[in-house]
Amino acid sequence: MTPLSPTALEEAAKAIYETWARNRSIDETWFGVCHVQHSIANEARQEATAAITAYLAQREKEGFVEVPREATQVMLDAGYYPATQRRGAKSVWQCMLAAAQNEPVPSPSEKA
């Protein structure tokens, strides 16, 4: 299954907390809750992890995977040989997808 991006997971936890806080008229910000390591921040992260994991697992059952918008060098390398052997687009695609699924999720600083 697609590994969870730490930054995407944190944004999902923040959205869960902000909805929870708004529905209960809580004034504490996400930053404030994280700064004091409040248990509600950990709960929000656990809920986000569970929801995202369930979503990705279901999408995978439906035949979808998450891949980068731009092909990485590893993906291009994986697709090169089948392309040069004229094995067809489907073969190239399968090799590139397999390579993408085995790559670690880059952090935002690595993308720059």
Protein backbone atom coordinates (compact mmCIF):
# COMPACT_ATOMS: atom_id res chain seq x y z
CA MET A 1 0.00 0.00 0.00
CA THR A 2 1.06 3.61 -0.56
CA PRO A 3 3.13 4.88 2.39
CA LEU A 4 1.58 7.77 4.31
CA SER A 5 3.17 11.15 3.78
CA PRO A 6 4.00 12.71 7.17
CA THR A 7 3.06 16.20 5.95
CA ALA A 8 -0.26 15.04 4.46
CA LEU A 9 -1.02 13.13 7.65
CA GLU A 10 -0.30 16.22 9.77
CA GLU A 11 -2.61 18.35 7.58
CA ALA A 12 -5.37 15.74 7.94
CA ALA A 13 -4.90 15.69 11.74
CA LYS A 14 -5.07 19.48 11.79
CA ALA A 15 -8.32 19.41 9.79
CA ILE A 16 -9.81 16.84 12.19
CA TYR A 17 -8.81 18.93 15.21
CA GLU A 18 -10.10 22.19 13.72
CA THR A 19 -13.48 20.60 12.94
CA TRP A 20 -13.62 19.11 16.44
CA ALA A 21 -12.67 22.46 18.04
CA ARG A 22 -15.13 24.48 15.91
CA ASN A 23 -18.00 22.14 16.80
CA ARG A 24 -17.21 22.54 20.50
CA SER A 25 -16.32 26.28 20.48
CA ILE A 26 -12.72 25.58 21.55
CA ASP A 27 -10.34 28.51 20.99
CA GLU A 28 -7.02 26.63 21.19
CA THR A 29 -5.18 26.53 17.84
CA TRP A 30 -3.63 23.40 16.33
CA PHE A 31 -0.19 24.91 16.90
CA GLY A 32 -0.99 25.53 20.57
CA VAL A 33 -2.27 21.99 21.05
CA CYS A 34 0.81 20.50 19.35
CA HIS A 35 3.19 22.79 21.22
CA VAL A 36 2.08 21.48 24.62
CA GLN A 37 1.82 17.93 23.25
CA HIS A 38 -1.83 17.71 24.24
CA SER A 39 -3.41 14.26 23.99
CA ILE A 40 -6.07 15.63 21.62
CA ALA A 41 -3.35 16.24 19.02
CA ASN A 42 -2.30 12.60 19.29
CA GLU A 43 -5.94 11.52 18.98
CA ALA A 44 -6.35 13.64 15.85
CA ARG A 45 -3.22 12.07 14.35
CA GLN A 46 -4.51 8.57 15.14
CA GLU A 47 -7.88 9.36 13.55
CA ALA A 48 -6.19 10.83 10.49
CA THR A 49 -3.95 7.77 10.14
CA ALA A 50 -6.92 5.42 10.40
CA ALA A 51 -9.01 7.38 7.90
CA ILE A 52 -6.25 7.82 5.32
CA THR A 53 -5.13 4.19 5.63
CA ALA A 54 -8.70 2.94 5.14
CA TYR A 55 -9.18 5.25 2.16
CA LEU A 56 -5.95 4.17 0.44
CA ALA A 57 -6.66 0.48 1.10
CA GLN A 58 -10.11 0.78 -0.47
CA ARG A 59 -8.74 2.67 -3.48
CA GLU A 60 -6.10 -0.04 -3.92
CA LYS A 61 -8.84 -2.71 -3.88
CA GLU A 62 -10.53 -0.70 -6.64
CA GLY A 63 -7.34 -0.86 -8.71
CA PHE A 64 -5.87 2.58 -8.00
CA VAL A 65 -2.47 3.51 -6.60
CA GLU A 66 -0.89 6.84 -5.75
CA VAL A 67 2.10 7.89 -7.81
CA PRO A 68 4.03 11.16 -8.20
CA ARG A 69 2.72 13.72 -10.70
CA GLU A 70 6.12 13.70 -12.42
CA ALA A 71 7.88 10.40 -13.07
CA THR A 72 10.93 10.00 -10.85
CA GLN A 73 14.29 8.84 -12.15
CA VAL A 74 13.68 5.41 -10.61
CA MET A 75 10.38 5.14 -12.51
CA LEU A 76 11.97 6.27 -15.77
CA ASP A 77 14.81 3.78 -15.33
CA ALA A 78 12.31 0.97 -14.69
CA GLY A 79 10.39 1.80 -17.86
CA TYR A 80 13.44 2.22 -20.07
CA TYR A 81 14.25 -1.44 -20.77
CA PRO A 82 10.70 -2.54 -21.67
CA ALA A 83 10.39 0.55 -23.89
CA THR A 84 13.61 -0.25 -25.76
CA GLN A 85 12.48 -3.85 -26.22
CA ARG A 86 9.20 -2.66 -27.75
CA ARG A 87 7.25 -4.59 -25.13
CA GLY A 88 4.36 -2.15 -25.33
CA ALA A 89 2.94 0.68 -23.28
CA LYS A 90 1.24 -1.64 -20.77
CA SER A 91 4.54 -3.30 -19.88
CA VAL A 92 6.31 0.05 -19.54
CA TRP A 93 3.46 1.36 -17.35
CA GLN A 94 3.50 -1.72 -15.10
CA CYS A 95 7.26 -1.46 -14.57
CA MET A 96 7.06 2.25 -13.78
CA LEU A 97 4.16 1.75 -11.34
CA ALA A 98 5.99 -1.06 -9.56
CA ALA A 99 9.05 1.18 -9.20
CA ALA A 100 6.93 4.06 -7.87
CA GLN A 101 5.35 1.87 -5.19
CA ASN A 102 8.77 0.92 -3.83
CA GLU A 103 10.10 4.47 -3.51
CA PRO A 104 10.04 6.29 -0.18
CA VAL A 105 7.79 9.34 0.10
CA PRO A 106 10.00 12.43 -0.25
CA SER A 107 9.74 15.11 2.39
CA PRO A 108 8.86 18.65 1.22
CA SER A 109 12.51 19.74 1.61
CA GLU A 110 13.67 16.91 -0.69
CA LYS A 111 11.33 18.05 -3.47
CA ALA A 112 13.03 21.43 -3.85
